[in-house]
Amino acid sequence: FGLATHVLRHWEAMGLLTPVRDAA
């Protein structure tokens, strides 16, 4: 999407995204 990874982390912190987590 041409984004910085911190943008996705910020969106997650805001509750806009909820990616799953792997075993690690």
PDBML (XML) file of the C-alpha atoms, coordinates in Angstrom:
<?xml version="1.0" encoding="UTF-8" ?>
<PDBx:datablock datablockName="MODEL"
   xmlns:PDBx="http://pdbml.pdb.org/schema/pdbx-v50.xsd"
   xmlns:xsi="http://www.w3.org/2001/XMLSchema-instance"
   xsi:schemaLocation="http://pdbml.pdb.org/schema/pdbx-v50.xsd pdbx-v50.xsd">
   <PDBx:atom_siteCategory>
      <PDBx:atom_site id="1">
         <PDBx:B_iso_or_equiv>0.00</PDBx:B_iso_or_equiv>
         <PDBx:Cartn_x>0.000</PDBx:Cartn_x>
         <PDBx:Cartn_y>0.000</PDBx:Cartn_y>
         <PDBx:Cartn_z>0.000</PDBx:Cartn_z>
         <PDBx:auth_asym_id>A</PDBx:auth_asym_id>
         <PDBx:auth_atom_id>CA</PDBx:auth_atom_id>
         <PDBx:auth_comp_id>PHE</PDBx:auth_comp_id>
         <PDBx:auth_seq_id>1</PDBx:auth_seq_id>
         <PDBx:group_PDB>ATOM</PDBx:group_PDB>
         <PDBx:label_alt_id xsi:nil="true" />
         <PDBx:label_asym_id>A</PDBx:label_asym_id>
         <PDBx:label_atom_id>CA</PDBx:label_atom_id>
         <PDBx:label_comp_id>PHE</PDBx:label_comp_id>
         <PDBx:label_entity_id>1</PDBx:label_entity_id>
         <PDBx:label_seq_id>1</PDBx:label_seq_id>
         <PDBx:occupancy>1.00</PDBx:occupancy>
         <PDBx:pdbx_PDB_model_num>1</PDBx:pdbx_PDB_model_num>
         <PDBx:type_symbol>C</PDBx:type_symbol>
      </PDBx:atom_site>
      <PDBx:atom_site id="2">
         <PDBx:B_iso_or_equiv>0.00</PDBx:B_iso_or_equiv>
         <PDBx:Cartn_x>3.014</PDBx:Cartn_x>
         <PDBx:Cartn_y>2.328</PDBx:Cartn_y>
         <PDBx:Cartn_z>-0.034</PDBx:Cartn_z>
         <PDBx:auth_asym_id>A</PDBx:auth_asym_id>
         <PDBx:auth_atom_id>CA</PDBx:auth_atom_id>
         <PDBx:auth_comp_id>GLY</PDBx:auth_comp_id>
         <PDBx:auth_seq_id>2</PDBx:auth_seq_id>
         <PDBx:group_PDB>ATOM</PDBx:group_PDB>
         <PDBx:label_alt_id xsi:nil="true" />
         <PDBx:label_asym_id>A</PDBx:label_asym_id>
         <PDBx:label_atom_id>CA</PDBx:label_atom_id>
         <PDBx:label_comp_id>GLY</PDBx:label_comp_id>
         <PDBx:label_entity_id>1</PDBx:label_entity_id>
         <PDBx:label_seq_id>2</PDBx:label_seq_id>
         <PDBx:occupancy>1.00</PDBx:occupancy>
         <PDBx:pdbx_PDB_model_num>1</PDBx:pdbx_PDB_model_num>
         <PDBx:type_symbol>C</PDBx:type_symbol>
      </PDBx:atom_site>
      <PDBx:atom_site id="3">
         <PDBx:B_iso_or_equiv>0.00</PDBx:B_iso_or_equiv>
         <PDBx:Cartn_x>2.840</PDBx:Cartn_x>
         <PDBx:Cartn_y>2.932</PDBx:Cartn_y>
         <PDBx:Cartn_z>3.720</PDBx:Cartn_z>
         <PDBx:auth_asym_id>A</PDBx:auth_asym_id>
         <PDBx:auth_atom_id>CA</PDBx:auth_atom_id>
         <PDBx:auth_comp_id>LEU</PDBx:auth_comp_id>
         <PDBx:auth_seq_id>3</PDBx:auth_seq_id>
         <PDBx:group_PDB>ATOM</PDBx:group_PDB>
         <PDBx:label_alt_id xsi:nil="true" />
         <PDBx:label_asym_id>A</PDBx:label_asym_id>
         <PDBx:label_atom_id>CA</PDBx:label_atom_id>
         <PDBx:label_comp_id>LEU</PDBx:label_comp_id>
         <PDBx:label_entity_id>1</PDBx:label_entity_id>
         <PDBx:label_seq_id>3</PDBx:label_seq_id>
         <PDBx:occupancy>1.00</PDBx:occupancy>
         <PDBx:pdbx_PDB_model_num>1</PDBx:pdbx_PDB_model_num>
         <PDBx:type_symbol>C</PDBx:type_symbol>
      </PDBx:atom_site>
      <PDBx:atom_site id="4">
         <PDBx:B_iso_or_equiv>0.00</PDBx:B_iso_or_equiv>
         <PDBx:Cartn_x>5.385</PDBx:Cartn_x>
         <PDBx:Cartn_y>2.985</PDBx:Cartn_y>
         <PDBx:Cartn_z>6.506</PDBx:Cartn_z>
         <PDBx:auth_asym_id>A</PDBx:auth_asym_id>
         <PDBx:auth_atom_id>CA</PDBx:auth_atom_id>
         <PDBx:auth_comp_id>ALA</PDBx:auth_comp_id>
         <PDBx:auth_seq_id>4</PDBx:auth_seq_id>
         <PDBx:group_PDB>ATOM</PDBx:group_PDB>
         <PDBx:label_alt_id xsi:nil="true" />
         <PDBx:label_asym_id>A</PDBx:label_asym_id>
         <PDBx:label_atom_id>CA</PDBx:label_atom_id>
         <PDBx:label_comp_id>ALA</PDBx:label_comp_id>
         <PDBx:label_entity_id>1</PDBx:label_entity_id>
         <PDBx:label_seq_id>4</PDBx:label_seq_id>
         <PDBx:occupancy>1.00</PDBx:occupancy>
         <PDBx:pdbx_PDB_model_num>1</PDBx:pdbx_PDB_model_num>
         <PDBx:type_symbol>C</PDBx:type_symbol>
      </PDBx:atom_site>
      <PDBx:atom_site id="5">
         <PDBx:B_iso_or_equiv>0.00</PDBx:B_iso_or_equiv>
         <PDBx:Cartn_x>5.011</PDBx:Cartn_x>
         <PDBx:Cartn_y>0.113</PDBx:Cartn_y>
         <PDBx:Cartn_z>8.957</PDBx:Cartn_z>
         <PDBx:auth_asym_id>A</PDBx:auth_asym_id>
         <PDBx:auth_atom_id>CA</PDBx:auth_atom_id>
         <PDBx:auth_comp_id>THR</PDBx:auth_comp_id>
         <PDBx:auth_seq_id>5</PDBx:auth_seq_id>
         <PDBx:group_PDB>ATOM</PDBx:group_PDB>
         <PDBx:label_alt_id xsi:nil="true" />
         <PDBx:label_asym_id>A</PDBx:label_asym_id>
         <PDBx:label_atom_id>CA</PDBx:label_atom_id>
         <PDBx:label_comp_id>THR</PDBx:label_comp_id>
         <PDBx:label_entity_id>1</PDBx:label_entity_id>
         <PDBx:label_seq_id>5</PDBx:label_seq_id>
         <PDBx:occupancy>1.00</PDBx:occupancy>
         <PDBx:pdbx_PDB_model_num>1</PDBx:pdbx_PDB_model_num>
         <PDBx:type_symbol>C</PDBx:type_symbol>
      </PDBx:atom_site>
      <PDBx:atom_site id="6">
         <PDBx:B_iso_or_equiv>0.00</PDBx:B_iso_or_equiv>
         <PDBx:Cartn_x>4.509</PDBx:Cartn_x>
         <PDBx:Cartn_y>2.575</PDBx:Cartn_y>
         <PDBx:Cartn_z>11.819</PDBx:Cartn_z>
         <PDBx:auth_asym_id>A</PDBx:auth_asym_id>
         <PDBx:auth_atom_id>CA</PDBx:auth_atom_id>
         <PDBx:auth_comp_id>HIS</PDBx:auth_comp_id>
         <PDBx:auth_seq_id>6</PDBx:auth_seq_id>
         <PDBx:group_PDB>ATOM</PDBx:group_PDB>
         <PDBx:label_alt_id xsi:nil="true" />
         <PDBx:label_asym_id>A</PDBx:label_asym_id>
         <PDBx:label_atom_id>CA</PDBx:label_atom_id>
         <PDBx:label_comp_id>HIS</PDBx:label_comp_id>
         <PDBx:label_entity_id>1</PDBx:label_entity_id>
         <PDBx:label_seq_id>6</PDBx:label_seq_id>
         <PDBx:occupancy>1.00</PDBx:occupancy>
         <PDBx:pdbx_PDB_model_num>1</PDBx:pdbx_PDB_model_num>
         <PDBx:type_symbol>C</PDBx:type_symbol>
      </PDBx:atom_site>
      <PDBx:atom_site id="7">
         <PDBx:B_iso_or_equiv>0.00</PDBx:B_iso_or_equiv>
         <PDBx:Cartn_x>1.302</PDBx:Cartn_x>
         <PDBx:Cartn_y>3.734</PDBx:Cartn_y>
         <PDBx:Cartn_z>10.113</PDBx:Cartn_z>
         <PDBx:auth_asym_id>A</PDBx:auth_asym_id>
         <PDBx:auth_atom_id>CA</PDBx:auth_atom_id>
         <PDBx:auth_comp_id>VAL</PDBx:auth_comp_id>
         <PDBx:auth_seq_id>7</PDBx:auth_seq_id>
         <PDBx:group_PDB>ATOM</PDBx:group_PDB>
         <PDBx:label_alt_id xsi:nil="true" />
         <PDBx:label_asym_id>A</PDBx:label_asym_id>
         <PDBx:label_atom_id>CA</PDBx:label_atom_id>
         <PDBx:label_comp_id>VAL</PDBx:label_comp_id>
         <PDBx:label_entity_id>1</PDBx:label_entity_id>
         <PDBx:label_seq_id>7</PDBx:label_seq_id>
         <PDBx:occupancy>1.00</PDBx:occupancy>
         <PDBx:pdbx_PDB_model_num>1</PDBx:pdbx_PDB_model_num>
         <PDBx:type_symbol>C</PDBx:type_symbol>
      </PDBx:atom_site>
      <PDBx:atom_site id="8">
         <PDBx:B_iso_or_equiv>0.00</PDBx:B_iso_or_equiv>
         <PDBx:Cartn_x>-0.135</PDBx:Cartn_x>
         <PDBx:Cartn_y>0.225</PDBx:Cartn_y>
         <PDBx:Cartn_z>10.294</PDBx:Cartn_z>
         <PDBx:auth_asym_id>A</PDBx:auth_asym_id>
         <PDBx:auth_atom_id>CA</PDBx:auth_atom_id>
         <PDBx:auth_comp_id>LEU</PDBx:auth_comp_id>
         <PDBx:auth_seq_id>8</PDBx:auth_seq_id>
         <PDBx:group_PDB>ATOM</PDBx:group_PDB>
         <PDBx:label_alt_id xsi:nil="true" />
         <PDBx:label_asym_id>A</PDBx:label_asym_id>
         <PDBx:label_atom_id>CA</PDBx:label_atom_id>
         <PDBx:label_comp_id>LEU</PDBx:label_comp_id>
         <PDBx:label_entity_id>1</PDBx:label_entity_id>
         <PDBx:label_seq_id>8</PDBx:label_seq_id>
         <PDBx:occupancy>1.00</PDBx:occupancy>
         <PDBx:pdbx_PDB_model_num>1</PDBx:pdbx_PDB_model_num>
         <PDBx:type_symbol>C</PDBx:type_symbol>
      </PDBx:atom_site>
      <PDBx:atom_site id="9">
         <PDBx:B_iso_or_equiv>0.00</PDBx:B_iso_or_equiv>
         <PDBx:Cartn_x>0.945</PDBx:Cartn_x>
         <PDBx:Cartn_y>-0.052</PDBx:Cartn_y>
         <PDBx:Cartn_z>13.938</PDBx:Cartn_z>
         <PDBx:auth_asym_id>A</PDBx:auth_asym_id>
         <PDBx:auth_atom_id>CA</PDBx:auth_atom_id>
         <PDBx:auth_comp_id>ARG</PDBx:auth_comp_id>
         <PDBx:auth_seq_id>9</PDBx:auth_seq_id>
         <PDBx:group_PDB>ATOM</PDBx:group_PDB>
         <PDBx:label_alt_id xsi:nil="true" />
         <PDBx:label_asym_id>A</PDBx:label_asym_id>
         <PDBx:label_atom_id>CA</PDBx:label_atom_id>
         <PDBx:label_comp_id>ARG</PDBx:label_comp_id>
         <PDBx:label_entity_id>1</PDBx:label_entity_id>
         <PDBx:label_seq_id>9</PDBx:label_seq_id>
         <PDBx:occupancy>1.00</PDBx:occupancy>
         <PDBx:pdbx_PDB_model_num>1</PDBx:pdbx_PDB_model_num>
         <PDBx:type_symbol>C</PDBx:type_symbol>
      </PDBx:atom_site>
      <PDBx:atom_site id="10">
         <PDBx:B_iso_or_equiv>0.00</PDBx:B_iso_or_equiv>
         <PDBx:Cartn_x>-0.739</PDBx:Cartn_x>
         <PDBx:Cartn_y>3.287</PDBx:Cartn_y>
         <PDBx:Cartn_z>14.684</PDBx:Cartn_z>
         <PDBx:auth_asym_id>A</PDBx:auth_asym_id>
         <PDBx:auth_atom_id>CA</PDBx:auth_atom_id>
         <PDBx:auth_comp_id>HIS</PDBx:auth_comp_id>
         <PDBx:auth_seq_id>10</PDBx:auth_seq_id>
         <PDBx:group_PDB>ATOM</PDBx:group_PDB>
         <PDBx:label_alt_id xsi:nil="true" />
         <PDBx:label_asym_id>A</PDBx:label_asym_id>
         <PDBx:label_atom_id>CA</PDBx:label_atom_id>
         <PDBx:label_comp_id>HIS</PDBx:label_comp_id>
         <PDBx:label_entity_id>1</PDBx:label_entity_id>
         <PDBx:label_seq_id>10</PDBx:label_seq_id>
         <PDBx:occupancy>1.00</PDBx:occupancy>
         <PDBx:pdbx_PDB_model_num>1</PDBx:pdbx_PDB_model_num>
         <PDBx:type_symbol>C</PDBx:type_symbol>
      </PDBx:atom_site>
      <PDBx:atom_site id="11">
         <PDBx:B_iso_or_equiv>0.00</PDBx:B_iso_or_equiv>
         <PDBx:Cartn_x>-3.954</PDBx:Cartn_x>
         <PDBx:Cartn_y>2.174</PDBx:Cartn_y>
         <PDBx:Cartn_z>13.005</PDBx:Cartn_z>
         <PDBx:auth_asym_id>A</PDBx:auth_asym_id>
         <PDBx:auth_atom_id>CA</PDBx:auth_atom_id>
         <PDBx:auth_comp_id>TRP</PDBx:auth_comp_id>
         <PDBx:auth_seq_id>11</PDBx:auth_seq_id>
         <PDBx:group_PDB>ATOM</PDBx:group_PDB>
         <PDBx:label_alt_id xsi:nil="true" />
         <PDBx:label_asym_id>A</PDBx:label_asym_id>
         <PDBx:label_atom_id>CA</PDBx:label_atom_id>
         <PDBx:label_comp_id>TRP</PDBx:label_comp_id>
         <PDBx:label_entity_id>1</PDBx:label_entity_id>
         <PDBx:label_seq_id>11</PDBx:label_seq_id>
         <PDBx:occupancy>1.00</PDBx:occupancy>
         <PDBx:pdbx_PDB_model_num>1</PDBx:pdbx_PDB_model_num>
         <PDBx:type_symbol>C</PDBx:type_symbol>
      </PDBx:atom_site>
      <PDBx:atom_site id="12">
         <PDBx:B_iso_or_equiv>0.00</PDBx:B_iso_or_equiv>
         <PDBx:Cartn_x>-3.845</PDBx:Cartn_x>
         <PDBx:Cartn_y>-0.991</PDBx:Cartn_y>
         <PDBx:Cartn_z>15.077</PDBx:Cartn_z>
         <PDBx:auth_asym_id>A</PDBx:auth_asym_id>
         <PDBx:auth_atom_id>CA</PDBx:auth_atom_id>
         <PDBx:auth_comp_id>GLU</PDBx:auth_comp_id>
         <PDBx:auth_seq_id>12</PDBx:auth_seq_id>
         <PDBx:group_PDB>ATOM</PDBx:group_PDB>
         <PDBx:label_alt_id xsi:nil="true" />
         <PDBx:label_asym_id>A</PDBx:label_asym_id>
         <PDBx:label_atom_id>CA</PDBx:label_atom_id>
         <PDBx:label_comp_id>GLU</PDBx:label_comp_id>
         <PDBx:label_entity_id>1</PDBx:label_entity_id>
         <PDBx:label_seq_id>12</PDBx:label_seq_id>
         <PDBx:occupancy>1.00</PDBx:occupancy>
         <PDBx:pdbx_PDB_model_num>1</PDBx:pdbx_PDB_model_num>
         <PDBx:type_symbol>C</PDBx:type_symbol>
      </PDBx:atom_site>
      <PDBx:atom_site id="13">
         <PDBx:B_iso_or_equiv>0.00</PDBx:B_iso_or_equiv>
         <PDBx:Cartn_x>-3.345</PDBx:Cartn_x>
         <PDBx:Cartn_y>1.029</PDBx:Cartn_y>
         <PDBx:Cartn_z>18.284</PDBx:Cartn_z>
         <PDBx:auth_asym_id>A</PDBx:auth_asym_id>
         <PDBx:auth_atom_id>CA</PDBx:auth_atom_id>
         <PDBx:auth_comp_id>ALA</PDBx:auth_comp_id>
         <PDBx:auth_seq_id>13</PDBx:auth_seq_id>
         <PDBx:group_PDB>ATOM</PDBx:group_PDB>
         <PDBx:label_alt_id xsi:nil="true" />
         <PDBx:label_asym_id>A</PDBx:label_asym_id>
         <PDBx:label_atom_id>CA</PDBx:label_atom_id>
         <PDBx:label_comp_id>ALA</PDBx:label_comp_id>
         <PDBx:label_entity_id>1</PDBx:label_entity_id>
         <PDBx:label_seq_id>13</PDBx:label_seq_id>
         <PDBx:occupancy>1.00</PDBx:occupancy>
         <PDBx:pdbx_PDB_model_num>1</PDBx:pdbx_PDB_model_num>
         <PDBx:type_symbol>C</PDBx:type_symbol>
      </PDBx:atom_site>
      <PDBx:atom_site id="14">
         <PDBx:B_iso_or_equiv>0.00</PDBx:B_iso_or_equiv>
         <PDBx:Cartn_x>-6.388</PDBx:Cartn_x>
         <PDBx:Cartn_y>3.115</PDBx:Cartn_y>
         <PDBx:Cartn_z>17.307</PDBx:Cartn_z>
         <PDBx:auth_asym_id>A</PDBx:auth_asym_id>
         <PDBx:auth_atom_id>CA</PDBx:auth_atom_id>
         <PDBx:auth_comp_id>MET</PDBx:auth_comp_id>
         <PDBx:auth_seq_id>14</PDBx:auth_seq_id>
         <PDBx:group_PDB>ATOM</PDBx:group_PDB>
         <PDBx:label_alt_id xsi:nil="true" />
         <PDBx:label_asym_id>A</PDBx:label_asym_id>
         <PDBx:label_atom_id>CA</PDBx:label_atom_id>
         <PDBx:label_comp_id>MET</PDBx:label_comp_id>
         <PDBx:label_entity_id>1</PDBx:label_entity_id>
         <PDBx:label_seq_id>14</PDBx:label_seq_id>
         <PDBx:occupancy>1.00</PDBx:occupancy>
         <PDBx:pdbx_PDB_model_num>1</PDBx:pdbx_PDB_model_num>
         <PDBx:type_symbol>C</PDBx:type_symbol>
      </PDBx:atom_site>
      <PDBx:atom_site id="15">
         <PDBx:B_iso_or_equiv>0.00</PDBx:B_iso_or_equiv>
         <PDBx:Cartn_x>-8.484</PDBx:Cartn_x>
         <PDBx:Cartn_y>-0.013</PDBx:Cartn_y>
         <PDBx:Cartn_z>16.867</PDBx:Cartn_z>
         <PDBx:auth_asym_id>A</PDBx:auth_asym_id>
         <PDBx:auth_atom_id>CA</PDBx:auth_atom_id>
         <PDBx:auth_comp_id>GLY</PDBx:auth_comp_id>
         <PDBx:auth_seq_id>15</PDBx:auth_seq_id>
         <PDBx:group_PDB>ATOM</PDBx:group_PDB>
         <PDBx:label_alt_id xsi:nil="true" />
         <PDBx:label_asym_id>A</PDBx:label_asym_id>
         <PDBx:label_atom_id>CA</PDBx:label_atom_id>
         <PDBx:label_comp_id>GLY</PDBx:label_comp_id>
         <PDBx:label_entity_id>1</PDBx:label_entity_id>
         <PDBx:label_seq_id>15</PDBx:label_seq_id>
         <PDBx:occupancy>1.00</PDBx:occupancy>
         <PDBx:pdbx_PDB_model_num>1</PDBx:pdbx_PDB_model_num>
         <PDBx:type_symbol>C</PDBx:type_symbol>
      </PDBx:atom_site>
      <PDBx:atom_site id="16">
         <PDBx:B_iso_or_equiv>0.00</PDBx:B_iso_or_equiv>
         <PDBx:Cartn_x>-8.773</PDBx:Cartn_x>
         <PDBx:Cartn_y>0.304</PDBx:Cartn_y>
         <PDBx:Cartn_z>13.097</PDBx:Cartn_z>
         <PDBx:auth_asym_id>A</PDBx:auth_asym_id>
         <PDBx:auth_atom_id>CA</PDBx:auth_atom_id>
         <PDBx:auth_comp_id>LEU</PDBx:auth_comp_id>
         <PDBx:auth_seq_id>16</PDBx:auth_seq_id>
         <PDBx:group_PDB>ATOM</PDBx:group_PDB>
         <PDBx:label_alt_id xsi:nil="true" />
         <PDBx:label_asym_id>A</PDBx:label_asym_id>
         <PDBx:label_atom_id>CA</PDBx:label_atom_id>
         <PDBx:label_comp_id>LEU</PDBx:label_comp_id>
         <PDBx:label_entity_id>1</PDBx:label_entity_id>
         <PDBx:label_seq_id>16</PDBx:label_seq_id>
         <PDBx:occupancy>1.00</PDBx:occupancy>
         <PDBx:pdbx_PDB_model_num>1</PDBx:pdbx_PDB_model_num>
         <PDBx:type_symbol>C</PDBx:type_symbol>
      </PDBx:atom_site>
      <PDBx:atom_site id="17">
         <PDBx:B_iso_or_equiv>0.00</PDBx:B_iso_or_equiv>
         <PDBx:Cartn_x>-6.875</PDBx:Cartn_x>
         <PDBx:Cartn_y>-2.929</PDBx:Cartn_y>
         <PDBx:Cartn_z>12.388</PDBx:Cartn_z>
         <PDBx:auth_asym_id>A</PDBx:auth_asym_id>
         <PDBx:auth_atom_id>CA</PDBx:auth_atom_id>
         <PDBx:auth_comp_id>LEU</PDBx:auth_comp_id>
         <PDBx:auth_seq_id>17</PDBx:auth_seq_id>
         <PDBx:group_PDB>ATOM</PDBx:group_PDB>
         <PDBx:label_alt_id xsi:nil="true" />
         <PDBx:label_asym_id>A</PDBx:label_asym_id>
         <PDBx:label_atom_id>CA</PDBx:label_atom_id>
         <PDBx:label_comp_id>LEU</PDBx:label_comp_id>
         <PDBx:label_entity_id>1</PDBx:label_entity_id>
         <PDBx:label_seq_id>17</PDBx:label_seq_id>
         <PDBx:occupancy>1.00</PDBx:occupancy>
         <PDBx:pdbx_PDB_model_num>1</PDBx:pdbx_PDB_model_num>
         <PDBx:type_symbol>C</PDBx:type_symbol>
      </PDBx:atom_site>
      <PDBx:atom_site id="18">
         <PDBx:B_iso_or_equiv>0.00</PDBx:B_iso_or_equiv>
         <PDBx:Cartn_x>-6.693</PDBx:Cartn_x>
         <PDBx:Cartn_y>-6.221</PDBx:Cartn_y>
         <PDBx:Cartn_z>14.258</PDBx:Cartn_z>
         <PDBx:auth_asym_id>A</PDBx:auth_asym_id>
         <PDBx:auth_atom_id>CA</PDBx:auth_atom_id>
         <PDBx:auth_comp_id>THR</PDBx:auth_comp_id>
         <PDBx:auth_seq_id>18</PDBx:auth_seq_id>
         <PDBx:group_PDB>ATOM</PDBx:group_PDB>
         <PDBx:label_alt_id xsi:nil="true" />
         <PDBx:label_asym_id>A</PDBx:label_asym_id>
         <PDBx:label_atom_id>CA</PDBx:label_atom_id>
         <PDBx:label_comp_id>THR</PDBx:label_comp_id>
         <PDBx:label_entity_id>1</PDBx:label_entity_id>
         <PDBx:label_seq_id>18</PDBx:label_seq_id>
         <PDBx:occupancy>1.00</PDBx:occupancy>
         <PDBx:pdbx_PDB_model_num>1</PDBx:pdbx_PDB_model_num>
         <PDBx:type_symbol>C</PDBx:type_symbol>
      </PDBx:atom_site>
      <PDBx:atom_site id="19">
         <PDBx:B_iso_or_equiv>0.00</PDBx:B_iso_or_equiv>
         <PDBx:Cartn_x>-4.125</PDBx:Cartn_x>
         <PDBx:Cartn_y>-8.460</PDBx:Cartn_y>
         <PDBx:Cartn_z>12.585</PDBx:Cartn_z>
         <PDBx:auth_asym_id>A</PDBx:auth_asym_id>
         <PDBx:auth_atom_id>CA</PDBx:auth_atom_id>
         <PDBx:auth_comp_id>PRO</PDBx:auth_comp_id>
         <PDBx:auth_seq_id>19</PDBx:auth_seq_id>
         <PDBx:group_PDB>ATOM</PDBx:group_PDB>
         <PDBx:label_alt_id xsi:nil="true" />
         <PDBx:label_asym_id>A</PDBx:label_asym_id>
         <PDBx:label_atom_id>CA</PDBx:label_atom_id>
         <PDBx:label_comp_id>PRO</PDBx:label_comp_id>
         <PDBx:label_entity_id>1</PDBx:label_entity_id>
         <PDBx:label_seq_id>19</PDBx:label_seq_id>
         <PDBx:occupancy>1.00</PDBx:occupancy>
         <PDBx:pdbx_PDB_model_num>1</PDBx:pdbx_PDB_model_num>
         <PDBx:type_symbol>C</PDBx:type_symbol>
      </PDBx:atom_site>
      <PDBx:atom_site id="20">
         <PDBx:B_iso_or_equiv>0.00</PDBx:B_iso_or_equiv>
         <PDBx:Cartn_x>-3.640</PDBx:Cartn_x>
         <PDBx:Cartn_y>-11.915</PDBx:Cartn_y>
         <PDBx:Cartn_z>14.062</PDBx:Cartn_z>
         <PDBx:auth_asym_id>A</PDBx:auth_asym_id>
         <PDBx:auth_atom_id>CA</PDBx:auth_atom_id>
         <PDBx:auth_comp_id>VAL</PDBx:auth_comp_id>
         <PDBx:auth_seq_id>20</PDBx:auth_seq_id>
         <PDBx:group_PDB>ATOM</PDBx:group_PDB>
         <PDBx:label_alt_id xsi:nil="true" />
         <PDBx:label_asym_id>A</PDBx:label_asym_id>
         <PDBx:label_atom_id>CA</PDBx:label_atom_id>
         <PDBx:label_comp_id>VAL</PDBx:label_comp_id>
         <PDBx:label_entity_id>1</PDBx:label_entity_id>
         <PDBx:label_seq_id>20</PDBx:label_seq_id>
         <PDBx:occupancy>1.00</PDBx:occupancy>
         <PDBx:pdbx_PDB_model_num>1</PDBx:pdbx_PDB_model_num>
         <PDBx:type_symbol>C</PDBx:type_symbol>
      </PDBx:atom_site>
      <PDBx:atom_site id="21">
         <PDBx:B_iso_or_equiv>0.00</PDBx:B_iso_or_equiv>
         <PDBx:Cartn_x>-0.343</PDBx:Cartn_x>
         <PDBx:Cartn_y>-12.814</PDBx:Cartn_y>
         <PDBx:Cartn_z>15.707</PDBx:Cartn_z>
         <PDBx:auth_asym_id>A</PDBx:auth_asym_id>
         <PDBx:auth_atom_id>CA</PDBx:auth_atom_id>
         <PDBx:auth_comp_id>ARG</PDBx:auth_comp_id>
         <PDBx:auth_seq_id>21</PDBx:auth_seq_id>
         <PDBx:group_PDB>ATOM</PDBx:group_PDB>
         <PDBx:label_alt_id xsi:nil="true" />
         <PDBx:label_asym_id>A</PDBx:label_asym_id>
         <PDBx:label_atom_id>CA</PDBx:label_atom_id>
         <PDBx:label_comp_id>ARG</PDBx:label_comp_id>
         <PDBx:label_entity_id>1</PDBx:label_entity_id>
         <PDBx:label_seq_id>21</PDBx:label_seq_id>
         <PDBx:occupancy>1.00</PDBx:occupancy>
         <PDBx:pdbx_PDB_model_num>1</PDBx:pdbx_PDB_model_num>
         <PDBx:type_symbol>C</PDBx:type_symbol>
      </PDBx:atom_site>
      <PDBx:atom_site id="22">
         <PDBx:B_iso_or_equiv>0.00</PDBx:B_iso_or_equiv>
         <PDBx:Cartn_x>1.763</PDBx:Cartn_x>
         <PDBx:Cartn_y>-15.812</PDBx:Cartn_y>
         <PDBx:Cartn_z>14.842</PDBx:Cartn_z>
         <PDBx:auth_asym_id>A</PDBx:auth_asym_id>
         <PDBx:auth_atom_id>CA</PDBx:auth_atom_id>
         <PDBx:auth_comp_id>ASP</PDBx:auth_comp_id>
         <PDBx:auth_seq_id>22</PDBx:auth_seq_id>
         <PDBx:group_PDB>ATOM</PDBx:group_PDB>
         <PDBx:label_alt_id xsi:nil="true" />
         <PDBx:label_asym_id>A</PDBx:label_asym_id>
         <PDBx:label_atom_id>CA</PDBx:label_atom_id>
         <PDBx:label_comp_id>ASP</PDBx:label_comp_id>
         <PDBx:label_entity_id>1</PDBx:label_entity_id>
         <PDBx:label_seq_id>22</PDBx:label_seq_id>
         <PDBx:occupancy>1.00</PDBx:occupancy>
         <PDBx:pdbx_PDB_model_num>1</PDBx:pdbx_PDB_model_num>
         <PDBx:type_symbol>C</PDBx:type_symbol>
      </PDBx:atom_site>
      <PDBx:atom_site id="23">
         <PDBx:B_iso_or_equiv>0.00</PDBx:B_iso_or_equiv>
         <PDBx:Cartn_x>3.461</PDBx:Cartn_x>
         <PDBx:Cartn_y>-18.043</PDBx:Cartn_y>
         <PDBx:Cartn_z>17.425</PDBx:Cartn_z>
         <PDBx:auth_asym_id>A</PDBx:auth_asym_id>
         <PDBx:auth_atom_id>CA</PDBx:auth_atom_id>
         <PDBx:auth_comp_id>ALA</PDBx:auth_comp_id>
         <PDBx:auth_seq_id>23</PDBx:auth_seq_id>
         <PDBx:group_PDB>ATOM</PDBx:group_PDB>
         <PDBx:label_alt_id xsi:nil="true" />
         <PDBx:label_asym_id>A</PDBx:label_asym_id>
         <PDBx:label_atom_id>CA</PDBx:label_atom_id>
         <PDBx:label_comp_id>ALA</PDBx:label_comp_id>
         <PDBx:label_entity_id>1</PDBx:label_entity_id>
         <PDBx:label_seq_id>23</PDBx:label_seq_id>
         <PDBx:occupancy>1.00</PDBx:occupancy>
         <PDBx:pdbx_PDB_model_num>1</PDBx:pdbx_PDB_model_num>
         <PDBx:type_symbol>C</PDBx:type_symbol>
      </PDBx:atom_site>
      <PDBx:atom_site id="24">
         <PDBx:B_iso_or_equiv>0.00</PDBx:B_iso_or_equiv>
         <PDBx:Cartn_x>6.339</PDBx:Cartn_x>
         <PDBx:Cartn_y>-15.555</PDBx:Cartn_y>
         <PDBx:Cartn_z>17.655</PDBx:Cartn_z>
         <PDBx:auth_asym_id>A</PDBx:auth_asym_id>
         <PDBx:auth_atom_id>CA</PDBx:auth_atom_id>
         <PDBx:auth_comp_id>ALA</PDBx:auth_comp_id>
         <PDBx:auth_seq_id>24</PDBx:auth_seq_id>
         <PDBx:group_PDB>ATOM</PDBx:group_PDB>
         <PDBx:label_alt_id xsi:nil="true" />
         <PDBx:label_asym_id>A</PDBx:label_asym_id>
         <PDBx:label_atom_id>CA</PDBx:label_atom_id>
         <PDBx:label_comp_id>ALA</PDBx:label_comp_id>
         <PDBx:label_entity_id>1</PDBx:label_entity_id>
         <PDBx:label_seq_id>24</PDBx:label_seq_id>
         <PDBx:occupancy>1.00</PDBx:occupancy>
         <PDBx:pdbx_PDB_model_num>1</PDBx:pdbx_PDB_model_num>
         <PDBx:type_symbol>C</PDBx:type_symbol>
      </PDBx:atom_site>
   </PDBx:atom_siteCategory>
</PDBx:datablock>
